[in-house]
Amino acid sequence: MTGRLVALLLIGVIAALQYGLWLGKGSWMRVWEIDRQILAQRQTNEQLMARNAALDAEVRDLKEGVGAIEERARSELGMVRHDEIFFQILGSTASAVSVPPVPAAP
């Protein structure tokens, strides 16, 4: 009878110790879930870092060069230079084309 009681007591102690490992606060399932969340957050961070790098490059280009400013003025505002002629071709796909004037022959 004593051997049986000791065996049941040991089984109870082992079950109590295993509870924390499988179902408790620091369980394997919780660790797996946190690892999955970390992986998802790393992917999000990589996407945001790529977006930030692109925005940084665009800001530097706008600060340093007039080419980017001119391109934005043309595409977003429809602006043309004072020495250009603007042609608009209407059709199935309307597009705007600006062509510099041809110099006069002497």
Protein backbone atom coordinates (compact mmCIF):
# COMPACT_ATOMS: atom_id res chain seq x y z
CA MET A 1 0.00 0.00 0.00
CA THR A 2 2.83 2.40 0.82
CA GLY A 3 4.50 1.74 -2.54
CA ARG A 4 1.28 2.50 -4.32
CA LEU A 5 0.80 5.72 -2.34
CA VAL A 6 4.38 6.82 -3.14
CA ALA A 7 3.82 6.08 -6.84
CA LEU A 8 0.61 8.15 -6.90
CA LEU A 9 2.34 10.95 -5.02
CA LEU A 10 5.22 10.97 -7.54
CA ILE A 11 2.76 10.97 -10.46
CA GLY A 12 0.99 13.94 -8.87
CA VAL A 13 4.26 15.83 -8.40
CA ILE A 14 5.32 15.13 -11.99
CA ALA A 15 1.90 16.26 -13.29
CA ALA A 16 2.15 19.48 -11.26
CA LEU A 17 5.60 20.19 -12.66
CA GLN A 18 4.50 19.43 -16.22
CA TYR A 19 1.49 21.77 -15.94
CA GLY A 20 3.76 24.82 -15.86
CA LEU A 21 5.74 23.54 -18.81
CA TRP A 22 2.77 22.86 -21.08
CA LEU A 23 -0.05 25.14 -19.90
CA GLY A 24 1.42 27.74 -17.52
CA LYS A 25 2.62 31.31 -18.02
CA GLY A 26 5.96 30.31 -19.59
CA SER A 27 4.63 27.29 -21.47
CA TRP A 28 5.90 25.99 -24.79
CA MET A 29 2.71 27.13 -26.47
CA ARG A 30 3.21 30.68 -25.21
CA VAL A 31 6.86 30.67 -26.34
CA TRP A 32 5.80 29.43 -29.79
CA GLU A 33 3.14 32.17 -30.03
CA ILE A 34 5.63 34.88 -29.03
CA ASP A 35 8.16 33.58 -31.59
CA ARG A 36 5.47 33.82 -34.27
CA GLN A 37 4.63 37.39 -33.21
CA ILE A 38 8.32 38.34 -33.27
CA LEU A 39 8.68 36.98 -36.81
CA ALA A 40 5.63 38.93 -37.98
CA GLN A 41 6.93 42.11 -36.33
CA ARG A 42 10.35 41.68 -37.96
CA GLN A 43 8.72 41.40 -41.39
CA THR A 44 6.70 44.54 -40.71
CA ASN A 45 9.84 46.35 -39.55
CA GLU A 46 11.71 45.35 -42.72
CA GLN A 47 8.87 46.69 -44.89
CA LEU A 48 8.80 49.95 -42.93
CA MET A 49 12.59 50.32 -43.13
CA ALA A 50 12.44 49.89 -46.92
CA ARG A 51 9.67 52.50 -47.13
CA ASN A 52 11.65 54.87 -44.91
CA ALA A 53 14.76 54.43 -47.05
CA ALA A 54 12.76 55.26 -50.18
CA LEU A 55 11.27 58.34 -48.54
CA ASP A 56 14.71 59.41 -47.30
CA ALA A 57 16.13 59.10 -50.81
CA GLU A 58 13.24 61.13 -52.20
CA VAL A 59 13.71 63.86 -49.58
CA ARG A 60 17.46 64.03 -50.31
CA ASP A 61 16.73 64.22 -54.05
CA LEU A 62 14.22 67.01 -53.53
CA LYS A 63 16.65 68.95 -51.34
CA GLU A 64 19.68 68.58 -53.61
CA GLY A 65 18.46 68.45 -57.19
CA VAL A 66 16.03 70.42 -59.28
CA GLY A 67 15.34 67.43 -61.54
CA ALA A 68 13.02 65.77 -59.03
CA ILE A 69 11.19 69.03 -58.34
CA GLU A 70 10.76 69.63 -62.07
CA GLU A 71 9.49 66.08 -62.58
CA ARG A 72 6.90 66.48 -59.83
CA ALA A 73 5.80 69.83 -61.19
CA ARG A 74 5.27 68.29 -64.62
CA SER A 75 3.51 65.11 -63.53
CA GLU A 76 1.42 66.35 -60.60
CA LEU A 77 0.77 69.99 -61.51
CA GLY A 78 0.89 69.81 -65.33
CA MET A 79 3.48 72.58 -65.54
CA VAL A 80 5.65 73.25 -68.60
CA ARG A 81 8.70 75.43 -69.13
CA HIS A 82 8.37 78.84 -70.73
CA ASP A 83 10.21 77.66 -73.87
CA GLU A 84 8.11 74.50 -74.41
CA ILE A 85 4.93 73.83 -76.36
CA PHE A 86 2.34 71.59 -74.74
CA PHE A 87 0.46 69.07 -76.88
CA GLN A 88 -2.44 67.05 -75.55
CA ILE A 89 -3.56 64.08 -77.61
CA LEU A 90 -7.07 62.88 -76.92
CA GLY A 91 -7.97 59.29 -77.65
CA SER A 92 -8.62 56.03 -75.87
CA THR A 93 -5.79 56.89 -73.48
CA ALA A 94 -5.30 60.60 -72.95
CA SER A 95 -1.69 61.52 -72.32
CA ALA A 96 0.25 64.75 -72.18
CA VAL A 97 3.50 65.24 -74.06
CA SER A 98 5.68 68.34 -73.89
CA VAL A 99 8.15 68.96 -76.69
CA PRO A 100 10.81 71.69 -76.75
CA PRO A 101 10.50 74.07 -79.71
CA VAL A 102 12.60 73.48 -82.80
CA PRO A 103 15.12 76.29 -83.38
CA ALA A 104 14.54 78.35 -86.49
CA ALA A 105 16.87 77.72 -89.45
CA PRO A 106 19.11 80.69 -90.44
